[in-house]
Amino acid sequence: TGQYLRSRLHLFGIDLNSQEYNQNAAREGVRLGLATVDLQNASDSIALELCTLLIPWDWMQWLTKLRTTSTMGSSFEKPHKLQKISSMGNGFTFELETIVFYAITRAVCEFRQLSWDRVLVYGDDIVCPNEAYETLHYVFEYFGFTINQSKSYWTGHFRESCGRHFFRDVEVTPIYQKKLVTSPEEVIRFHNRIVRWSRRTYGDPWYFEEAL
């Protein structure tokens, strides 16, 4: 199911096999007047009822057969009915959330009479015209989604999408070292991160050779 949805998205210029389209749009975002938008807990916020409004009935019948309708947990005395259509890891959630967010973003652009040819969506990473941001913010909240305002940019000189950060058109993505370097394997990973960052930032992979 996920692969089929992915192939259909490709017909509309959305390629879920590559993050480069969103990343390149973020690089050009300031110059082209594009906003980069990020959502919080996006895949867990797609309500079943919303999907019935957006998705053809025959497809909803199929997706409903593939979803988990309830869950059990230590805090529940009886099965807890799920209102979200699915969660990450079920085989089609990533593709489905991309379709939902693309449909909403494109509809907002059409409503605002803005060009939607530069609308890009990769999961919950969204690129759209700056002018669409405020309306998009309202519509997303109406449908139960929350925009992560600390990771969404529509003014100023900074943009970020799919893990790549740009100030104007210069990449400023930092090194992500999320754990202490306490093993030979982690030393190698940390070393390689610095080498890649040095090459990208200074054009010289051995800019920090002495430190390395």
C-alpha atoms as a PDB file:
ATOM      1  CA  THR A   1       0.000   0.000   0.000  1.00  0.00           C
ATOM      2  CA  GLY A   2       2.760   2.411   0.970  1.00  0.00           C
ATOM      3  CA  GLN A   3       4.705   1.753  -2.218  1.00  0.00           C
ATOM      4  CA  TYR A   4       1.626   2.325  -4.356  1.00  0.00           C
ATOM      5  CA  LEU A   5       0.854   5.622  -2.611  1.00  0.00           C
ATOM      6  CA  ARG A   6       4.489   6.590  -3.070  1.00  0.00           C
ATOM      7  CA  SER A   7       4.306   5.925  -6.808  1.00  0.00           C
ATOM      8  CA  ARG A   8       1.124   8.000  -7.121  1.00  0.00           C
ATOM      9  CA  LEU A   9       2.706  10.924  -5.260  1.00  0.00           C
ATOM     10  CA  HIS A  10       5.547  10.859  -7.760  1.00  0.00           C
ATOM     11  CA  LEU A  11       3.076  11.879 -10.486  1.00  0.00           C
ATOM     12  CA  PHE A  12       2.565  15.163  -8.614  1.00  0.00           C
ATOM     13  CA  GLY A  13       6.277  15.905  -8.202  1.00  0.00           C
ATOM     14  CA  ILE A  14       6.587  14.457  -4.686  1.00  0.00           C
ATOM     15  CA  ASP A  15       9.488  12.001  -4.500  1.00  0.00           C
ATOM     16  CA  LEU A  16       9.589  10.219  -1.155  1.00  0.00           C
ATOM     17  CA  ASN A  17      12.716   8.327  -2.180  1.00  0.00           C
ATOM     18  CA  SER A  18      14.824  11.481  -1.833  1.00  0.00           C
ATOM     19  CA  GLN A  19      14.983  14.361   0.640  1.00  0.00           C
ATOM     20  CA  GLU A  20      17.043  16.473  -1.759  1.00  0.00           C
ATOM     21  CA  TYR A  21      14.052  18.284  -3.264  1.00  0.00           C
ATOM     22  CA  ASN A  22      13.010  19.693   0.107  1.00  0.00           C
ATOM     23  CA  GLN A  23      16.606  20.412   1.063  1.00  0.00           C
ATOM     24  CA  ASN A  24      17.306  22.281  -2.174  1.00  0.00           C
ATOM     25  CA  ALA A  25      14.099  24.267  -1.728  1.00  0.00           C
ATOM     26  CA  ALA A  26      15.254  25.242   1.766  1.00  0.00           C
ATOM     27  CA  ARG A  27      18.558  26.390   0.291  1.00  0.00           C
ATOM     28  CA  GLU A  28      16.716  28.649  -2.157  1.00  0.00           C
ATOM     29  CA  GLY A  29      13.897  29.477   0.250  1.00  0.00           C
ATOM     30  CA  VAL A  30      14.893  33.022   1.182  1.00  0.00           C
ATOM     31  CA  ARG A  31      15.558  34.023  -2.443  1.00  0.00           C
ATOM     32  CA  LEU A  32      12.388  32.397  -3.781  1.00  0.00           C
ATOM     33  CA  GLY A  33      10.115  33.467  -0.930  1.00  0.00           C
ATOM     34  CA  LEU A  34       9.483  29.977   0.424  1.00  0.00           C
ATOM     35  CA  ALA A  35       8.636  28.971   3.976  1.00  0.00           C
ATOM     36  CA  THR A  36       9.755  25.720   5.598  1.00  0.00           C
ATOM     37  CA  VAL A  37       7.185  24.248   7.975  1.00  0.00           C
ATOM     38  CA  ASP A  38       7.535  21.452  10.533  1.00  0.00           C
ATOM     39  CA  LEU A  39       4.732  19.765  12.500  1.00  0.00           C
ATOM     40  CA  GLN A  40       4.748  18.241  15.985  1.00  0.00           C
ATOM     41  CA  ASN A  41       3.689  14.600  16.438  1.00  0.00           C
ATOM     42  CA  ALA A  42       2.294  14.703  12.935  1.00  0.00           C
ATOM     43  CA  SER A  43       1.746  11.007  12.267  1.00  0.00           C
ATOM     44  CA  ASP A  44      -0.070  10.563  15.594  1.00  0.00           C
ATOM     45  CA  SER A  45      -2.410  13.469  14.845  1.00  0.00           C
ATOM     46  CA  ILE A  46      -4.062  12.291  11.632  1.00  0.00           C
ATOM     47  CA  ALA A  47      -7.654  11.684  12.705  1.00  0.00           C
ATOM     48  CA  LEU A  48      -9.699   8.959  11.075  1.00  0.00           C
ATOM     49  CA  GLU A  49     -12.521  11.437  10.508  1.00  0.00           C
ATOM     50  CA  LEU A  50     -10.214  13.827   8.629  1.00  0.00           C
ATOM     51  CA  CYS A  51      -9.227  11.038   6.254  1.00  0.00           C
ATOM     52  CA  THR A  52     -12.884  10.339   5.485  1.00  0.00           C
ATOM     53  CA  LEU A  53     -13.142  13.951   4.274  1.00  0.00           C
ATOM     54  CA  LEU A  54     -10.056  13.826   2.061  1.00  0.00           C
ATOM     55  CA  ILE A  55      -9.766  10.255   0.787  1.00  0.00           C
ATOM     56  CA  PRO A  56     -12.071   8.453  -1.711  1.00  0.00           C
ATOM     57  CA  TRP A  57     -14.419   6.014  -0.019  1.00  0.00           C
ATOM     58  CA  ASP A  58     -13.055   2.869  -1.700  1.00  0.00           C
ATOM     59  CA  TRP A  59      -9.563   3.759  -0.491  1.00  0.00           C
ATOM     60  CA  MET A  60     -10.866   4.502   3.004  1.00  0.00           C
ATOM     61  CA  GLN A  61     -12.416   1.046   3.101  1.00  0.00           C
ATOM     62  CA  TRP A  62      -9.057  -0.482   2.206  1.00  0.00           C
ATOM     63  CA  LEU A  63      -7.046   1.608   4.676  1.00  0.00           C
ATOM     64  CA  THR A  64      -9.559   0.898   7.440  1.00  0.00           C
ATOM     65  CA  LYS A  65      -8.986  -2.824   6.979  1.00  0.00           C
ATOM     66  CA  LEU A  66      -5.249  -2.306   7.476  1.00  0.00           C
ATOM     67  CA  ARG A  67      -5.382  -0.143  10.600  1.00  0.00           C
ATOM     68  CA  THR A  68      -5.377  -1.087  14.285  1.00  0.00           C
ATOM     69  CA  THR A  69      -8.637   0.062  15.832  1.00  0.00           C
ATOM     70  CA  SER A  70      -7.744  -0.206  19.530  1.00  0.00           C
ATOM     71  CA  THR A  71      -4.872  -0.738  21.908  1.00  0.00           C
ATOM     72  CA  MET A  72      -4.259  -2.033  25.426  1.00  0.00           C
ATOM     73  CA  GLY A  73      -1.947  -0.620  28.065  1.00  0.00           C
ATOM     74  CA  SER A  74      -1.261  -0.661  31.779  1.00  0.00           C
ATOM     75  CA  SER A  75      -3.284   2.547  32.193  1.00  0.00           C
ATOM     76  CA  PHE A  76      -6.360   1.150  30.404  1.00  0.00           C
ATOM     77  CA  GLU A  77      -8.910  -1.110  32.096  1.00  0.00           C
ATOM     78  CA  LYS A  78     -10.335  -2.077  28.717  1.00  0.00           C
ATOM     79  CA  PRO A  79      -9.280  -1.699  25.065  1.00  0.00           C
ATOM     80  CA  HIS A  80      -8.740   1.957  24.173  1.00  0.00           C
ATOM     81  CA  LYS A  81     -10.334   2.977  20.880  1.00  0.00           C
ATOM     82  CA  LEU A  82      -7.903   4.782  18.579  1.00  0.00           C
ATOM     83  CA  GLN A  83      -8.994   7.954  16.807  1.00  0.00           C
ATOM     84  CA  LYS A  84      -5.864   8.271  14.664  1.00  0.00           C
ATOM     85  CA  ILE A  85      -5.913   6.343  11.431  1.00  0.00           C
ATOM     86  CA  SER A  86      -2.542   4.679  12.019  1.00  0.00           C
ATOM     87  CA  SER A  87       0.898   5.065  13.563  1.00  0.00           C
ATOM     88  CA  MET A  88       4.401   5.045  12.150  1.00  0.00           C
ATOM     89  CA  GLY A  89       5.673   1.599  11.216  1.00  0.00           C
ATOM     90  CA  ASN A  90       2.483   0.158   9.749  1.00  0.00           C
ATOM     91  CA  GLY A  91       3.592   0.413   6.126  1.00  0.00           C
ATOM     92  CA  PHE A  92       1.654   3.387   4.791  1.00  0.00           C
ATOM     93  CA  THR A  93       1.529   6.106   7.486  1.00  0.00           C
ATOM     94  CA  PHE A  94       4.468   8.082   6.079  1.00  0.00           C
ATOM     95  CA  GLU A  95       2.999   8.123   2.589  1.00  0.00           C
ATOM     96  CA  LEU A  96      -0.505   8.895   3.873  1.00  0.00           C
ATOM     97  CA  GLU A  97       0.598  11.827   6.024  1.00  0.00           C
ATOM     98  CA  THR A  98       2.491  13.221   3.038  1.00  0.00           C
ATOM     99  CA  ILE A  99      -0.687  13.037   0.937  1.00  0.00           C
ATOM    100  CA  VAL A 100      -2.781  14.715   3.658  1.00  0.00           C
ATOM    101  CA  PHE A 101      -0.326  17.555   4.227  1.00  0.00           C
ATOM    102  CA  TYR A 102       0.227  18.048   0.498  1.00  0.00           C
ATOM    103  CA  ALA A 103      -3.533  18.243  -0.124  1.00  0.00           C
ATOM    104  CA  ILE A 104      -4.051  20.767   2.681  1.00  0.00           C
ATOM    105  CA  THR A 105      -1.069  22.915   1.667  1.00  0.00           C
ATOM    106  CA  ARG A 106      -2.013  22.922  -2.000  1.00  0.00           C
ATOM    107  CA  ALA A 107      -5.633  23.797  -1.154  1.00  0.00           C
ATOM    108  CA  VAL A 108      -4.458  26.723   0.992  1.00  0.00           C
ATOM    109  CA  CYS A 109      -2.312  28.015  -1.876  1.00  0.00           C
ATOM    110  CA  GLU A 110      -5.209  27.766  -4.304  1.00  0.00           C
ATOM    111  CA  PHE A 111      -7.496  29.531  -1.818  1.00  0.00           C
ATOM    112  CA  ARG A 112      -4.946  32.334  -1.407  1.00  0.00           C
ATOM    113  CA  GLN A 113      -4.459  32.409  -5.205  1.00  0.00           C
ATOM    114  CA  LEU A 114      -0.788  31.536  -4.781  1.00  0.00           C
ATOM    115  CA  SER A 115       1.277  29.324  -7.035  1.00  0.00           C
ATOM    116  CA  TRP A 116       1.458  25.788  -5.661  1.00  0.00           C
ATOM    117  CA  ASP A 117       4.071  24.538  -8.130  1.00  0.00           C
ATOM    118  CA  ARG A 118       6.754  24.937  -5.453  1.00  0.00           C
ATOM    119  CA  VAL A 119       4.812  23.118  -2.738  1.00  0.00           C
ATOM    120  CA  LEU A 120       6.888  20.184  -1.521  1.00  0.00           C
ATOM    121  CA  VAL A 121       6.072  17.722   1.242  1.00  0.00           C
ATOM    122  CA  TYR A 122       8.212  14.963   2.741  1.00  0.00           C
ATOM    123  CA  GLY A 123       6.314  13.472   5.661  1.00  0.00           C
ATOM    124  CA  ASP A 124       5.750  16.443   7.945  1.00  0.00           C
ATOM    125  CA  ASP A 125       8.454  18.595   6.330  1.00  0.00           C
ATOM    126  CA  ILE A 126       6.605  21.136   4.198  1.00  0.00           C
ATOM    127  CA  VAL A 127       7.755  23.841   1.789  1.00  0.00           C
ATOM    128  CA  CYS A 128       5.277  26.480   0.620  1.00  0.00           C
ATOM    129  CA  PRO A 129       5.131  30.183  -0.332  1.00  0.00           C
ATOM    130  CA  ASN A 130       5.749  32.571   2.569  1.00  0.00           C
ATOM    131  CA  GLU A 131       2.377  34.198   1.944  1.00  0.00           C
ATOM    132  CA  ALA A 132       0.570  30.918   2.641  1.00  0.00           C
ATOM    133  CA  TYR A 133       2.047  30.401   6.096  1.00  0.00           C
ATOM    134  CA  GLU A 134      -0.479  32.234   8.289  1.00  0.00           C
ATOM    135  CA  THR A 135      -3.491  30.656   6.573  1.00  0.00           C
ATOM    136  CA  LEU A 136      -1.795  27.258   6.645  1.00  0.00           C
ATOM    137  CA  HIS A 137      -1.164  27.688  10.367  1.00  0.00           C
ATOM    138  CA  TYR A 138      -4.886  28.333  10.937  1.00  0.00           C
ATOM    139  CA  VAL A 139      -6.022  25.409   8.772  1.00  0.00           C
ATOM    140  CA  PHE A 140      -3.608  22.943  10.351  1.00  0.00           C
ATOM    141  CA  GLU A 141      -4.786  23.893  13.829  1.00  0.00           C
ATOM    142  CA  TYR A 142      -8.403  23.502  12.694  1.00  0.00           C
ATOM    143  CA  PHE A 143      -7.623  19.915  11.636  1.00  0.00           C
ATOM    144  CA  GLY A 144      -5.850  19.150  14.906  1.00  0.00           C
ATOM    145  CA  PHE A 145      -2.227  19.584  13.863  1.00  0.00           C
ATOM    146  CA  THR A 146       0.348  21.687  15.681  1.00  0.00           C
ATOM    147  CA  ILE A 147       3.017  23.625  13.822  1.00  0.00           C
ATOM    148  CA  ASN A 148       6.391  23.506  15.542  1.00  0.00           C
ATOM    149  CA  GLN A 149       7.080  27.230  15.487  1.00  0.00           C
ATOM    150  CA  SER A 150      10.617  26.778  16.797  1.00  0.00           C
ATOM    151  CA  LYS A 151      11.428  24.739  13.659  1.00  0.00           C
ATOM    152  CA  SER A 152       9.293  26.597  11.074  1.00  0.00           C
ATOM    153  CA  TYR A 153      10.608  29.608   9.163  1.00  0.00           C
ATOM    154  CA  TRP A 154       8.788  32.050   6.894  1.00  0.00           C
ATOM    155  CA  THR A 155      10.572  35.316   7.707  1.00  0.00           C
ATOM    156  CA  GLY A 156      14.228  36.241   8.108  1.00  0.00           C
ATOM    157  CA  HIS A 157      17.209  34.593   6.435  1.00  0.00           C
ATOM    158  CA  PHE A 158      17.089  31.070   7.895  1.00  0.00           C
ATOM    159  CA  ARG A 159      15.368  27.974   6.467  1.00  0.00           C
ATOM    160  CA  GLU A 160      15.448  24.279   7.395  1.00  0.00           C
ATOM    161  CA  SER A 161      13.960  21.166   5.852  1.00  0.00           C
ATOM    162  CA  CYS A 162      14.711  17.458   6.115  1.00  0.00           C
ATOM    163  CA  GLY A 163      17.651  18.016   8.444  1.00  0.00           C
ATOM    164  CA  ARG A 164      19.501  20.609   6.341  1.00  0.00           C
ATOM    165  CA  HIS A 165      19.886  24.174   7.651  1.00  0.00           C
ATOM    166  CA  PHE A 166      20.578  27.248   5.514  1.00  0.00           C
ATOM    167  CA  PHE A 167      21.299  30.891   6.270  1.00  0.00           C
ATOM    168  CA  ARG A 168      20.311  32.563   3.017  1.00  0.00           C
ATOM    169  CA  ASP A 169      21.810  30.017   0.616  1.00  0.00           C
ATOM    170  CA  VAL A 170      24.757  28.940   2.773  1.00  0.00           C
ATOM    171  CA  GLU A 171      24.457  25.595   4.535  1.00  0.00           C
ATOM    172  CA  VAL A 172      24.980  25.866   8.294  1.00  0.00           C
ATOM    173  CA  THR A 173      23.851  22.404   9.365  1.00  0.00           C
ATOM    174  CA  PRO A 174      25.700  21.595  12.594  1.00  0.00           C
ATOM    175  CA  ILE A 175      27.267  18.334  13.694  1.00  0.00           C
ATOM    176  CA  TYR A 176      24.843  16.162  15.651  1.00  0.00           C
ATOM    177  CA  GLN A 177      26.747  14.238  18.332  1.00  0.00           C
ATOM    178  CA  LYS A 178      23.961  12.900  20.519  1.00  0.00           C
ATOM    179  CA  LYS A 179      25.956  10.584  22.779  1.00  0.00           C
ATOM    180  CA  LEU A 180      29.253  10.625  24.637  1.00  0.00           C
ATOM    181  CA  VAL A 181      32.253   9.335  22.720  1.00  0.00           C
ATOM    182  CA  THR A 182      33.088   6.299  24.849  1.00  0.00           C
ATOM    183  CA  SER A 183      33.892   3.551  22.340  1.00  0.00           C
ATOM    184  CA  PRO A 184      36.162   3.088  19.301  1.00  0.00           C
ATOM    185  CA  GLU A 185      33.075   2.831  17.089  1.00  0.00           C
ATOM    186  CA  GLU A 186      31.711   6.147  18.344  1.00  0.00           C
ATOM    187  CA  VAL A 187      35.148   7.757  17.899  1.00  0.00           C
ATOM    188  CA  ILE A 188      35.052   6.756  14.216  1.00  0.00           C
ATOM    189  CA  ARG A 189      31.503   8.068  13.759  1.00  0.00           C
ATOM    190  CA  PHE A 190      32.378  11.355  15.479  1.00  0.00           C
ATOM    191  CA  HIS A 191      35.544  11.661  13.368  1.00  0.00           C
ATOM    192  CA  ASN A 192      33.574  11.119  10.151  1.00  0.00           C
ATOM    193  CA  ARG A 193      30.973  13.693  11.124  1.00  0.00           C
ATOM    194  CA  ILE A 194      33.706  16.300  11.617  1.00  0.00           C
ATOM    195  CA  VAL A 195      35.347  15.399   8.297  1.00  0.00           C
ATOM    196  CA  ARG A 196      32.051  15.735   6.396  1.00  0.00           C
ATOM    197  CA  TRP A 197      31.205  19.001   8.159  1.00  0.00           C
ATOM    198  CA  SER A 198      34.702  20.420   7.464  1.00  0.00           C
ATOM    199  CA  ARG A 199      34.440  19.553   3.781  1.00  0.00           C
ATOM    200  CA  ARG A 200      30.972  21.097   3.508  1.00  0.00           C
ATOM    201  CA  THR A 201      31.803  24.234   5.517  1.00  0.00           C
ATOM    202  CA  TYR A 202      35.411  24.961   4.561  1.00  0.00           C
ATOM    203  CA  GLY A 203      35.877  22.919   1.388  1.00  0.00           C
ATOM    204  CA  ASP A 204      38.635  20.998   3.172  1.00  0.00           C
ATOM    205  CA  PRO A 205      37.870  17.684   4.923  1.00  0.00           C
ATOM    206  CA  TRP A 206      41.060  18.026   6.949  1.00  0.00           C
ATOM    207  CA  TYR A 207      40.512  21.598   8.136  1.00  0.00           C
ATOM    208  CA  PHE A 208      40.644  20.271  11.718  1.00  0.00           C
ATOM    209  CA  GLU A 209      43.393  17.752  11.011  1.00  0.00           C
ATOM    210  CA  GLU A 210      45.386  18.594  14.135  1.00  0.00           C
ATOM    211  CA  ALA A 211      42.345  18.140  16.353  1.00  0.00           C
ATOM    212  CA  LEU A 212      41.390  14.935  14.557  1.00  0.00           C
END
